[in-house]
Amino acid sequence: MPFDADSPPDWHEDQPGVIEIPYQQLSEQALTGLVQEYVSRDGTDYGEYEVSLTDKADQVRHLLQQGKVVILFDPMSESCHIVDKAQYNSGC
């Protein structure tokens, strides 16, 4: 995977309150804001080569379309996160 998915370590599929949000249900403006916020975070390492924020955002959108990452909403903290689907489903 081309980036380090920022998966909160204590979130599990069966944790009450955490909701998986299909990216298609977000407005274009909301999705763009979420993706831009995600790719601009410290710790989203894309490896040895410099990658523009636009390219990073395109990669994340592609991963959302492929179902490899998902959007989670935590109503307790009122925050959204983009996480690796395999890690989220395995409870990591």
C-alpha atoms as a PDB file:
ATOM      1  CA  MET A   1       0.000   0.000   0.000  1.00  0.00           C
ATOM      2  CA  PRO A   2       1.429   3.421  -0.923  1.00  0.00           C
ATOM      3  CA  PHE A   3       0.813   5.051   2.439  1.00  0.00           C
ATOM      4  CA  ASP A   4       0.635   4.381   6.139  1.00  0.00           C
ATOM      5  CA  ALA A   5      -3.076   4.094   6.961  1.00  0.00           C
ATOM      6  CA  ASP A   6      -3.790   6.151  10.053  1.00  0.00           C
ATOM      7  CA  SER A   7      -5.806   3.485  11.816  1.00  0.00           C
ATOM      8  CA  PRO A   8      -6.665   4.342  15.403  1.00  0.00           C
ATOM      9  CA  PRO A   9      -5.247   1.394  17.388  1.00  0.00           C
ATOM     10  CA  ASP A  10      -8.235   0.911  19.691  1.00  0.00           C
ATOM     11  CA  TRP A  11     -11.005   0.900  17.077  1.00  0.00           C
ATOM     12  CA  HIS A  12     -12.582  -2.440  16.346  1.00  0.00           C
ATOM     13  CA  GLU A  13     -15.407  -3.402  14.032  1.00  0.00           C
ATOM     14  CA  ASP A  14     -17.658  -4.252  16.965  1.00  0.00           C
ATOM     15  CA  GLN A  15     -16.865  -1.101  18.968  1.00  0.00           C
ATOM     16  CA  PRO A  16     -20.110   0.675  19.777  1.00  0.00           C
ATOM     17  CA  GLY A  17     -20.541   4.034  18.168  1.00  0.00           C
ATOM     18  CA  VAL A  18     -17.973   3.747  15.369  1.00  0.00           C
ATOM     19  CA  ILE A  19     -19.741   3.938  12.022  1.00  0.00           C
ATOM     20  CA  GLU A  20     -18.367   3.039   8.602  1.00  0.00           C
ATOM     21  CA  ILE A  21     -19.431   5.725   6.135  1.00  0.00           C
ATOM     22  CA  PRO A  22     -19.540   4.816   2.432  1.00  0.00           C
ATOM     23  CA  TYR A  23     -17.551   7.504   0.632  1.00  0.00           C
ATOM     24  CA  GLN A  24     -20.335   7.756  -1.979  1.00  0.00           C
ATOM     25  CA  GLN A  25     -22.674   9.130   0.694  1.00  0.00           C
ATOM     26  CA  LEU A  26     -20.474  12.176   1.330  1.00  0.00           C
ATOM     27  CA  SER A  27     -20.850  15.351  -0.673  1.00  0.00           C
ATOM     28  CA  GLU A  28     -17.971  16.070  -3.032  1.00  0.00           C
ATOM     29  CA  GLN A  29     -16.951  18.980  -0.806  1.00  0.00           C
ATOM     30  CA  ALA A  30     -16.958  16.839   2.368  1.00  0.00           C
ATOM     31  CA  LEU A  31     -15.020  14.020   0.704  1.00  0.00           C
ATOM     32  CA  THR A  32     -12.445  16.420  -0.726  1.00  0.00           C
ATOM     33  CA  GLY A  33     -11.970  18.068   2.681  1.00  0.00           C
ATOM     34  CA  LEU A  34     -11.586  14.720   4.444  1.00  0.00           C
ATOM     35  CA  VAL A  35      -9.102  13.386   1.878  1.00  0.00           C
ATOM     36  CA  GLN A  36      -7.091  16.633   1.880  1.00  0.00           C
ATOM     37  CA  GLU A  37      -6.947  16.658   5.675  1.00  0.00           C
ATOM     38  CA  TYR A  38      -5.834  13.018   5.672  1.00  0.00           C
ATOM     39  CA  VAL A  39      -3.039  13.383   3.117  1.00  0.00           C
ATOM     40  CA  SER A  40      -1.685  16.517   4.778  1.00  0.00           C
ATOM     41  CA  ARG A  41      -1.239  14.809   8.169  1.00  0.00           C
ATOM     42  CA  ASP A  42       2.195  14.058   9.545  1.00  0.00           C
ATOM     43  CA  GLY A  43       2.935  10.363   9.274  1.00  0.00           C
ATOM     44  CA  THR A  44       1.357   9.674   5.895  1.00  0.00           C
ATOM     45  CA  ASP A  45       4.580   8.309   4.471  1.00  0.00           C
ATOM     46  CA  TYR A  46       4.637   7.652   0.757  1.00  0.00           C
ATOM     47  CA  GLY A  47       8.143   6.230   0.692  1.00  0.00           C
ATOM     48  CA  GLU A  48      11.387   7.334  -0.830  1.00  0.00           C
ATOM     49  CA  TYR A  49       9.909   9.624  -3.505  1.00  0.00           C
ATOM     50  CA  GLU A  50       8.290  13.022  -3.024  1.00  0.00           C
ATOM     51  CA  VAL A  51       4.592  12.902  -3.944  1.00  0.00           C
ATOM     52  CA  SER A  52       2.426  16.010  -4.350  1.00  0.00           C
ATOM     53  CA  LEU A  53      -0.660  16.442  -2.165  1.00  0.00           C
ATOM     54  CA  THR A  54      -2.780  16.225  -5.306  1.00  0.00           C
ATOM     55  CA  ASP A  55      -1.249  12.870  -6.228  1.00  0.00           C
ATOM     56  CA  LYS A  56      -1.658  11.614  -2.644  1.00  0.00           C
ATOM     57  CA  ALA A  57      -5.325  12.653  -2.675  1.00  0.00           C
ATOM     58  CA  ASP A  58      -5.845  10.868  -6.010  1.00  0.00           C
ATOM     59  CA  GLN A  59      -4.262   7.708  -4.563  1.00  0.00           C
ATOM     60  CA  VAL A  60      -6.539   7.810  -1.503  1.00  0.00           C
ATOM     61  CA  ARG A  61      -9.630   8.335  -3.653  1.00  0.00           C
ATOM     62  CA  HIS A  62      -8.592   5.363  -5.801  1.00  0.00           C
ATOM     63  CA  LEU A  63      -8.164   3.211  -2.674  1.00  0.00           C
ATOM     64  CA  LEU A  64     -11.628   4.272  -1.481  1.00  0.00           C
ATOM     65  CA  GLN A  65     -13.100   3.291  -4.862  1.00  0.00           C
ATOM     66  CA  GLN A  66     -11.334  -0.086  -4.672  1.00  0.00           C
ATOM     67  CA  GLY A  67     -12.622  -0.668  -1.128  1.00  0.00           C
ATOM     68  CA  LYS A  68      -9.103  -0.981   0.290  1.00  0.00           C
ATOM     69  CA  VAL A  69      -9.619   1.875   2.750  1.00  0.00           C
ATOM     70  CA  VAL A  70     -12.801   2.991   4.497  1.00  0.00           C
ATOM     71  CA  ILE A  71     -14.070   6.087   6.242  1.00  0.00           C
ATOM     72  CA  LEU A  72     -14.967   5.708   9.901  1.00  0.00           C
ATOM     73  CA  PHE A  73     -16.934   8.215  11.964  1.00  0.00           C
ATOM     74  CA  ASP A  74     -16.687   8.250  15.746  1.00  0.00           C
ATOM     75  CA  PRO A  75     -19.666  10.144  17.185  1.00  0.00           C
ATOM     76  CA  MET A  76     -18.015  10.241  20.619  1.00  0.00           C
ATOM     77  CA  SER A  77     -15.088  12.330  19.352  1.00  0.00           C
ATOM     78  CA  GLU A  78     -17.045  13.714  16.365  1.00  0.00           C
ATOM     79  CA  SER A  79     -14.156  12.791  14.062  1.00  0.00           C
ATOM     80  CA  CYS A  80     -13.639  10.902  10.818  1.00  0.00           C
ATOM     81  CA  HIS A  81     -10.678   8.736   9.881  1.00  0.00           C
ATOM     82  CA  ILE A  82      -9.591   6.965   6.720  1.00  0.00           C
ATOM     83  CA  VAL A  83      -8.292   3.525   7.652  1.00  0.00           C
ATOM     84  CA  ASP A  84      -7.023   0.383   5.964  1.00  0.00           C
ATOM     85  CA  LYS A  85     -10.062  -1.893   5.596  1.00  0.00           C
ATOM     86  CA  ALA A  86      -8.121  -5.115   6.221  1.00  0.00           C
ATOM     87  CA  GLN A  87      -6.654  -3.754   9.459  1.00  0.00           C
ATOM     88  CA  TYR A  88     -10.015  -2.393  10.586  1.00  0.00           C
ATOM     89  CA  ASN A  89     -11.788  -5.691   9.867  1.00  0.00           C
ATOM     90  CA  SER A  90      -9.089  -7.686  11.651  1.00  0.00           C
ATOM     91  CA  GLY A  91      -9.441  -5.543  14.772  1.00  0.00           C
ATOM     92  CA  CYS A  92      -5.915  -4.104  14.652  1.00  0.00           C
END
